């Protein structure tokens, strides 16, 4: 089971990083190349689920997996994998609900109409997955070996697509390689980076501003580390993080007490929640003097944003949303 705190790397998981150091790069080391021929050993053997050409790649754990050269029925088990395949022009046949949600993420709603939901984030319902008849399952950062075993009984072409330390661009390229679309992924990333740079340069007096990125939990706020998804988008726009938040890492801090609330201050403050309890806690604290005393709040520079976009590992479509949110708030 995966909680809304999925982004946070616990101590055991940090210890596992060395083992997973190959990360999504493994997806690129085997079977990478052009869209027409990704440089892999191709075979005419029967495809993972049904007849067809196959190729060997490695997933984010370094496991060699035989996948269809041109998969037709893709199931995604995380919001990030869904974002990735949609950005590549692939419509999956099965998806899971968004992080902290009982429905698909709102920012992808128009793109997933008519697609069957096969469970919650990283919690697939096996009968529903089976009914989707997948020839490729993208299992995100799934760590439950029992679930992976069941998925691989449905199709051996089941991939763990991200490791704890992978950034979204690396994971995205890994997913793209799995669906034989690496060239397209490189174009998507280049377009995103150009958009982020241009948007950042057009922020006027807020160009290069310090932005605090915070998720409000039921027990208090957590600020995002520099390599976390939304933080990375802000940096790609040429923005900065407050000195207290200028730390490497792709997770977030433990929840802070009101005594340490000054750590979330900045020129601008972007606030998100993932649960109704977190939303209630944020509303409650907004009436307290400690919150009202933050410089960003005094300047009316506190902005509420969508947690299912800003507090996740992200993808190119979510990146566009973050760019647009920042531009809307900061551009004068």
Protein backbone atom coordinates (compact mmCIF):
# COMPACT_ATOMS: atom_id res chain seq x y z
CA UNK A 1 0.00 0.00 0.00
CA UNK A 2 1.23 3.50 -0.79
CA UNK A 3 0.33 6.46 1.40
CA UNK A 4 0.03 10.12 0.38
CA UNK A 5 3.55 10.48 1.79
CA UNK A 6 4.93 8.48 -1.12
CA UNK A 7 7.32 11.25 -2.03
CA UNK A 8 9.12 11.08 1.31
CA UNK A 9 12.12 8.75 1.32
CA UNK A 10 12.14 6.91 4.62
CA UNK A 11 15.36 5.70 6.22
CA UNK A 12 15.06 2.12 4.92
CA UNK A 13 14.30 3.45 1.49
CA UNK A 14 17.29 5.77 1.55
CA UNK A 15 19.41 2.78 2.48
CA UNK A 16 18.05 0.99 -0.56
CA UNK A 17 19.21 3.74 -2.88
CA UNK A 18 22.63 2.20 -3.32
CA UNK A 19 21.01 -1.00 -4.52
CA UNK A 20 18.81 0.96 -6.90
CA UNK A 21 21.58 3.28 -8.05
CA UNK A 22 21.28 2.11 -11.63
CA UNK A 23 17.84 3.73 -11.54
CA UNK A 24 15.89 4.43 -14.67
CA UNK A 25 19.23 4.80 -16.44
CA UNK A 26 19.10 1.04 -16.81
CA UNK A 27 16.08 1.53 -19.03
CA UNK A 28 18.32 3.54 -21.33
CA UNK A 29 21.40 1.34 -21.27
CA UNK A 30 19.66 -1.60 -22.89
CA UNK A 31 17.49 -1.14 -25.90
CA UNK A 32 18.04 2.59 -26.38
CA UNK A 33 18.35 4.32 -29.70
CA UNK A 34 16.00 5.62 -32.34
CA UNK A 35 12.27 5.12 -32.39
CA UNK A 36 12.54 2.79 -35.36
CA UNK A 37 15.34 0.66 -33.93
CA UNK A 38 16.24 1.27 -30.31
CA UNK A 39 19.52 -0.62 -30.63
CA UNK A 40 18.24 -3.60 -28.68
CA UNK A 41 18.41 -7.27 -29.51
CA UNK A 42 15.16 -7.73 -31.37
CA UNK A 43 13.58 -11.11 -31.76
CA UNK A 44 10.75 -12.67 -33.73
CA UNK A 45 9.76 -14.74 -30.74
CA UNK A 46 6.29 -14.49 -29.36
CA UNK A 47 5.65 -11.14 -27.64
CA UNK A 48 5.13 -10.84 -23.92
CA UNK A 49 1.36 -10.90 -24.39
CA UNK A 50 0.42 -12.08 -27.84
CA UNK A 51 2.37 -12.54 -31.04
CA UNK A 52 4.75 -9.92 -32.37
CA UNK A 53 8.27 -8.61 -32.35
CA UNK A 54 9.95 -8.09 -28.99
CA UNK A 55 13.05 -6.45 -27.57
CA UNK A 56 15.01 -6.72 -24.33
CA UNK A 57 15.44 -3.75 -22.02
CA UNK A 58 16.27 -3.28 -18.35
CA UNK A 59 13.86 -1.69 -15.92
CA UNK A 60 14.75 0.78 -13.16
CA UNK A 61 15.91 -2.05 -10.90
CA UNK A 62 18.27 -3.40 -13.54
CA UNK A 63 16.00 -6.38 -14.27
CA UNK A 64 16.05 -7.54 -17.91
CA UNK A 65 12.54 -7.61 -19.34
CA UNK A 66 11.27 -8.65 -22.76
CA UNK A 67 8.77 -6.12 -24.06
CA UNK A 68 6.79 -5.73 -27.28
CA UNK A 69 8.66 -3.63 -29.82
CA UNK A 70 5.46 -1.67 -30.44
CA UNK A 71 3.15 -2.18 -27.44
CA UNK A 72 -0.54 -1.77 -28.18
CA UNK A 73 -2.17 -2.23 -24.77
CA UNK A 74 -0.34 -0.31 -22.05
CA UNK A 75 -1.50 -0.19 -18.42
CA UNK A 76 -0.03 2.47 -16.09
CA UNK A 77 -0.05 2.12 -12.31
CA UNK A 78 1.14 5.61 -11.38
CA UNK A 79 0.23 9.15 -12.29
CA UNK A 80 3.78 9.74 -13.52
CA UNK A 81 3.69 6.81 -15.96
CA UNK A 82 0.29 7.97 -17.19
CA UNK A 83 1.63 11.50 -17.71
CA UNK A 84 4.59 10.07 -19.60
CA UNK A 85 2.71 7.89 -22.06
CA UNK A 86 0.13 10.60 -22.76
CA UNK A 87 2.95 13.06 -23.47
CA UNK A 88 4.27 10.51 -25.98
CA UNK A 89 0.91 10.29 -27.72
CA UNK A 90 -0.01 6.86 -26.34
CA UNK A 91 -3.48 6.23 -24.92
CA UNK A 92 -3.29 3.46 -22.30
CA UNK A 93 -6.00 0.84 -21.84
CA UNK A 94 -5.88 0.94 -18.04
CA UNK A 95 -4.87 3.56 -15.46
CA UNK A 96 -4.96 4.13 -11.70
CA UNK A 97 -6.33 7.05 -9.73
CA UNK A 98 -4.10 10.02 -8.97
CA UNK A 99 -1.96 10.49 -5.88
CA UNK A 100 -4.18 11.16 -2.87
CA UNK A 101 -7.28 10.90 -5.08
CA UNK A 102 -10.14 8.48 -5.74
CA UNK A 103 -10.25 9.54 -9.37
CA UNK A 104 -7.72 10.25 -12.12
CA UNK A 105 -5.73 13.48 -11.71
CA UNK A 106 -7.74 16.53 -12.77
CA UNK A 107 -5.01 17.95 -15.00
CA UNK A 108 -5.21 14.82 -17.19
CA UNK A 109 -8.99 14.44 -17.00
CA UNK A 110 -9.69 15.46 -20.60
CA UNK A 111 -7.06 13.03 -21.88
CA UNK A 112 -8.23 9.93 -19.99
CA UNK A 113 -11.96 9.95 -20.68
CA UNK A 114 -13.17 6.45 -21.48
CA UNK A 115 -10.07 4.72 -20.09
CA UNK A 116 -10.79 2.06 -17.49
CA UNK A 117 -9.49 2.67 -13.95
CA UNK A 118 -7.85 -0.52 -12.64
CA UNK A 119 -7.24 0.60 -9.06
CA UNK A 120 -5.64 3.27 -6.93
CA UNK A 121 -2.08 4.53 -7.16
CA UNK A 122 0.22 1.47 -6.99
CA UNK A 123 -2.74 -0.56 -5.72
CA UNK A 124 -4.02 -2.38 -8.80
CA UNK A 125 -7.07 -4.63 -8.70
CA UNK A 126 -5.75 -7.71 -10.46
CA UNK A 127 -9.05 -8.74 -12.06
CA UNK A 128 -9.34 -5.28 -13.59
CA UNK A 129 -5.75 -5.34 -14.83
CA UNK A 130 -6.35 -8.77 -16.36
CA UNK A 131 -9.51 -7.54 -18.05
CA UNK A 132 -7.51 -4.77 -19.72
CA UNK A 133 -5.45 -7.45 -21.55
CA UNK A 134 -2.17 -5.50 -21.29
CA UNK A 135 0.89 -6.31 -23.33
CA UNK A 136 2.94 -3.87 -21.21
CA UNK A 137 2.47 -2.78 -17.58
CA UNK A 138 4.32 0.28 -16.30
CA UNK A 139 4.52 -0.21 -12.54
CA UNK A 140 6.12 3.05 -11.42
CA UNK A 141 8.15 2.71 -8.22
CA UNK A 142 6.33 -0.44 -7.12
CA UNK A 143 8.30 -2.19 -4.36
CA UNK A 144 5.78 -4.83 -3.32
CA UNK A 145 7.28 -8.02 -4.73
CA UNK A 146 4.07 -9.97 -4.25
CA UNK A 147 2.14 -7.46 -6.37
CA UNK A 148 4.88 -7.48 -9.00
CA UNK A 149 4.73 -11.29 -9.12
CA UNK A 150 0.97 -11.18 -9.74
CA UNK A 151 1.37 -8.53 -12.42
CA UNK A 152 4.05 -10.56 -14.18
CA UNK A 153 1.68 -13.50 -14.25
CA UNK A 154 -0.66 -11.30 -16.26
CA UNK A 155 2.20 -10.23 -18.54
CA UNK A 156 5.94 -10.75 -18.07
CA UNK A 157 6.35 -7.33 -19.69
CA UNK A 158 5.92 -5.53 -16.36
CA UNK A 159 8.44 -2.79 -15.61
CA UNK A 160 9.44 -0.86 -12.52
CA UNK A 161 9.94 2.51 -14.19
CA UNK A 162 11.54 4.64 -11.47
CA UNK A 163 14.03 4.31 -8.63
CA UNK A 164 14.04 6.46 -5.46
CA UNK A 165 16.72 8.87 -6.67
CA UNK A 166 15.55 9.26 -10.29
CA UNK A 167 14.41 12.68 -11.45
CA UNK A 168 11.36 12.94 -13.70
CA UNK A 169 13.32 13.46 -16.92
CA UNK A 170 15.30 10.27 -16.39
CA UNK A 171 12.16 8.29 -15.56
CA UNK A 172 10.36 9.79 -18.55
CA UNK A 173 13.14 8.76 -20.91
CA UNK A 174 13.04 5.28 -19.37
CA UNK A 175 9.31 4.98 -20.01
CA UNK A 176 9.85 6.28 -23.53
CA UNK A 177 12.48 3.64 -24.18
CA UNK A 178 10.09 0.97 -22.91
CA UNK A 179 7.51 2.03 -25.51
CA UNK A 180 10.16 2.56 -28.21
CA UNK A 181 9.74 6.34 -28.35
CA UNK A 182 13.02 7.72 -27.01
CA UNK A 183 13.51 10.22 -29.83
CA UNK A 184 10.05 11.64 -29.19
CA UNK A 185 10.81 11.92 -25.46
CA UNK A 186 13.95 13.92 -26.14
CA UNK A 187 11.88 16.32 -28.26
CA UNK A 188 9.23 16.62 -25.51
CA UNK A 189 11.91 17.46 -22.92
CA UNK A 190 13.59 19.98 -25.23
CA UNK A 191 10.24 21.71 -25.79
CA UNK A 192 9.53 21.74 -22.05
CA UNK A 193 12.95 23.21 -21.23
CA UNK A 194 12.54 25.91 -23.87
CA UNK A 195 9.11 26.79 -22.47
CA UNK A 196 10.43 26.92 -18.88
CA UNK A 197 13.36 29.15 -19.82
CA UNK A 198 11.20 31.53 -21.85
CA UNK A 199 8.54 31.74 -19.12
CA UNK A 200 11.17 32.48 -16.48
CA UNK A 201 12.69 35.26 -18.54
CA UNK A 202 9.29 36.92 -18.90
CA UNK A 203 8.53 37.24 -15.17
CA UNK A 204 9.50 40.90 -15.02
CA UNK A 205 10.30 42.09 -11.50
CA UNK A 206 9.88 38.53 -10.22
CA UNK A 207 12.53 37.07 -12.51
CA UNK A 208 14.87 35.03 -10.32
CA UNK A 209 12.62 35.32 -7.27
CA UNK A 210 12.90 32.93 -4.32
CA UNK A 211 9.98 30.51 -4.29
CA UNK A 212 9.04 28.28 -1.38
CA UNK A 213 7.30 25.05 -2.36
CA UNK A 214 5.32 23.45 0.46
CA UNK A 215 2.92 20.60 0.99
CA UNK A 216 0.63 20.96 3.99
CA UNK A 217 0.06 17.70 5.83
CA UNK A 218 -2.42 17.08 8.65
CA UNK A 219 0.45 17.48 11.14
CA UNK A 220 2.11 20.50 9.53
CA UNK A 221 4.02 21.79 6.48
CA UNK A 222 6.83 20.06 4.59
CA UNK A 223 8.98 21.97 2.13
CA UNK A 224 10.25 20.31 -1.03
CA UNK A 225 13.93 19.66 -1.63
CA UNK A 226 15.65 21.14 -4.71
CA UNK A 227 15.49 18.04 -6.91
CA UNK A 228 11.85 17.32 -6.20
CA UNK A 229 9.72 17.69 -9.31
CA UNK A 230 8.07 21.11 -8.82
CA UNK A 231 11.30 22.48 -7.36
CA UNK A 232 13.13 21.37 -10.48
CA UNK A 233 10.59 23.12 -12.69
CA UNK A 234 11.09 26.35 -10.74
CA UNK A 235 14.87 26.04 -11.14
CA UNK A 236 14.43 25.39 -14.88
CA UNK A 237 12.60 28.74 -14.97
CA UNK A 238 15.60 30.45 -13.39
CA UNK A 239 13.92 30.89 -10.02
CA UNK A 240 15.66 30.29 -6.70
CA UNK A 241 14.79 28.57 -3.44
CA UNK A 242 15.02 30.29 -0.05
CA UNK A 243 18.34 29.66 1.74
CA UNK A 244 16.69 27.35 4.26
CA UNK A 245 15.36 25.22 1.37
CA UNK A 246 18.47 25.33 -0.82
CA UNK A 247 19.26 21.66 -0.26
CA UNK A 248 19.70 18.75 -2.64
CA UNK A 249 17.30 15.84 -2.58
CA UNK A 250 14.14 14.77 -4.38
CA UNK A 251 11.84 14.33 -1.39
CA UNK A 252 10.48 16.65 1.31
CA UNK A 253 11.18 17.41 4.94
CA UNK A 254 9.28 15.89 7.85
CA UNK A 255 6.28 17.98 8.90
CA UNK A 256 7.37 21.15 10.69
CA UNK A 257 5.91 22.55 13.88
CA UNK A 258 4.54 26.09 14.11
CA UNK A 259 7.78 27.05 15.90
CA UNK A 260 9.68 26.29 12.68
CA UNK A 261 7.15 27.72 10.26
CA UNK A 262 9.60 30.46 9.22
CA UNK A 263 11.42 27.76 7.19
CA UNK A 264 8.62 27.86 4.62
CA UNK A 265 8.90 31.61 3.98
CA UNK A 266 10.14 33.10 0.71
CA UNK A 267 9.44 35.82 -1.84
CA UNK A 268 6.57 33.61 -2.97
CA UNK A 269 4.93 30.70 -1.21
CA UNK A 270 3.27 27.88 -3.18
CA UNK A 271 1.06 25.73 -0.96
CA UNK A 272 -0.56 22.40 -1.78
CA UNK A 273 -2.35 19.57 -0.01
CA UNK A 274 -3.04 15.95 -0.90
CA UNK A 275 -5.78 14.98 1.52
CA UNK A 276 -8.90 16.53 3.01
CA UNK A 277 -7.20 16.41 6.44
CA UNK A 278 -4.25 18.33 5.04
CA UNK A 279 -6.59 20.89 3.48
CA UNK A 280 -8.36 21.38 6.81
CA UNK A 281 -5.04 21.77 8.63
CA UNK A 282 -3.96 24.45 6.15
CA UNK A 283 -7.22 26.38 6.57
CA UNK A 284 -6.86 26.20 10.34
CA UNK A 285 -3.29 27.49 10.39
CA UNK A 286 -4.10 30.37 8.05
CA UNK A 287 -5.94 31.96 10.98
CA UNK A 288 -2.93 31.76 13.29
CA UNK A 289 -0.50 34.66 13.91
CA UNK A 290 2.57 32.56 13.04
CA UNK A 291 1.24 32.00 9.52
CA UNK A 292 0.03 35.58 9.06
CA UNK A 293 3.49 36.83 10.08
CA UNK A 294 5.22 35.16 7.09
CA UNK A 295 6.61 37.73 4.65
CA UNK A 296 5.05 35.98 1.67
CA UNK A 297 1.65 36.07 3.36
CA UNK A 298 2.00 39.74 4.30
CA UNK A 299 2.78 40.56 0.65
CA UNK A 300 -0.18 38.49 -0.57
CA UNK A 301 2.34 36.20 -2.25
CA UNK A 302 0.93 32.92 -0.90
CA UNK A 303 -0.59 30.83 -3.69
CA UNK A 304 -2.60 27.61 -3.34
CA UNK A 305 -1.85 25.04 -6.04
CA UNK A 306 -2.89 21.48 -6.92
CA UNK A 307 -1.09 18.96 -4.73
CA UNK A 308 -1.64 16.10 -7.16
CA UNK A 309 0.59 18.03 -9.56
CA UNK A 310 3.01 19.91 -7.29
CA UNK A 311 3.64 17.20 -4.69
CA UNK A 312 4.38 14.28 -7.02
CA UNK A 313 7.35 12.98 -8.97
CA UNK A 314 5.82 14.56 -12.05
CA UNK A 315 6.12 14.33 -15.81
CA UNK A 316 6.18 16.66 -18.82
CA UNK A 317 2.45 17.42 -18.78
CA UNK A 318 2.56 18.20 -15.05
CA UNK A 319 5.64 20.33 -15.77
CA UNK A 320 3.57 22.46 -18.12
CA UNK A 321 0.98 22.94 -15.36
CA UNK A 322 3.61 24.08 -12.85
CA UNK A 323 5.10 26.53 -15.36
CA UNK A 324 1.64 27.95 -16.04
CA UNK A 325 0.84 28.20 -12.30
CA UNK A 326 4.07 30.05 -11.55
CA UNK A 327 3.64 32.35 -14.54
CA UNK A 328 0.08 33.22 -13.54
CA UNK A 329 1.18 34.11 -10.02
CA UNK A 330 4.45 35.93 -10.69
CA UNK A 331 4.08 37.62 -14.06
CA UNK A 332 3.26 41.28 -13.71
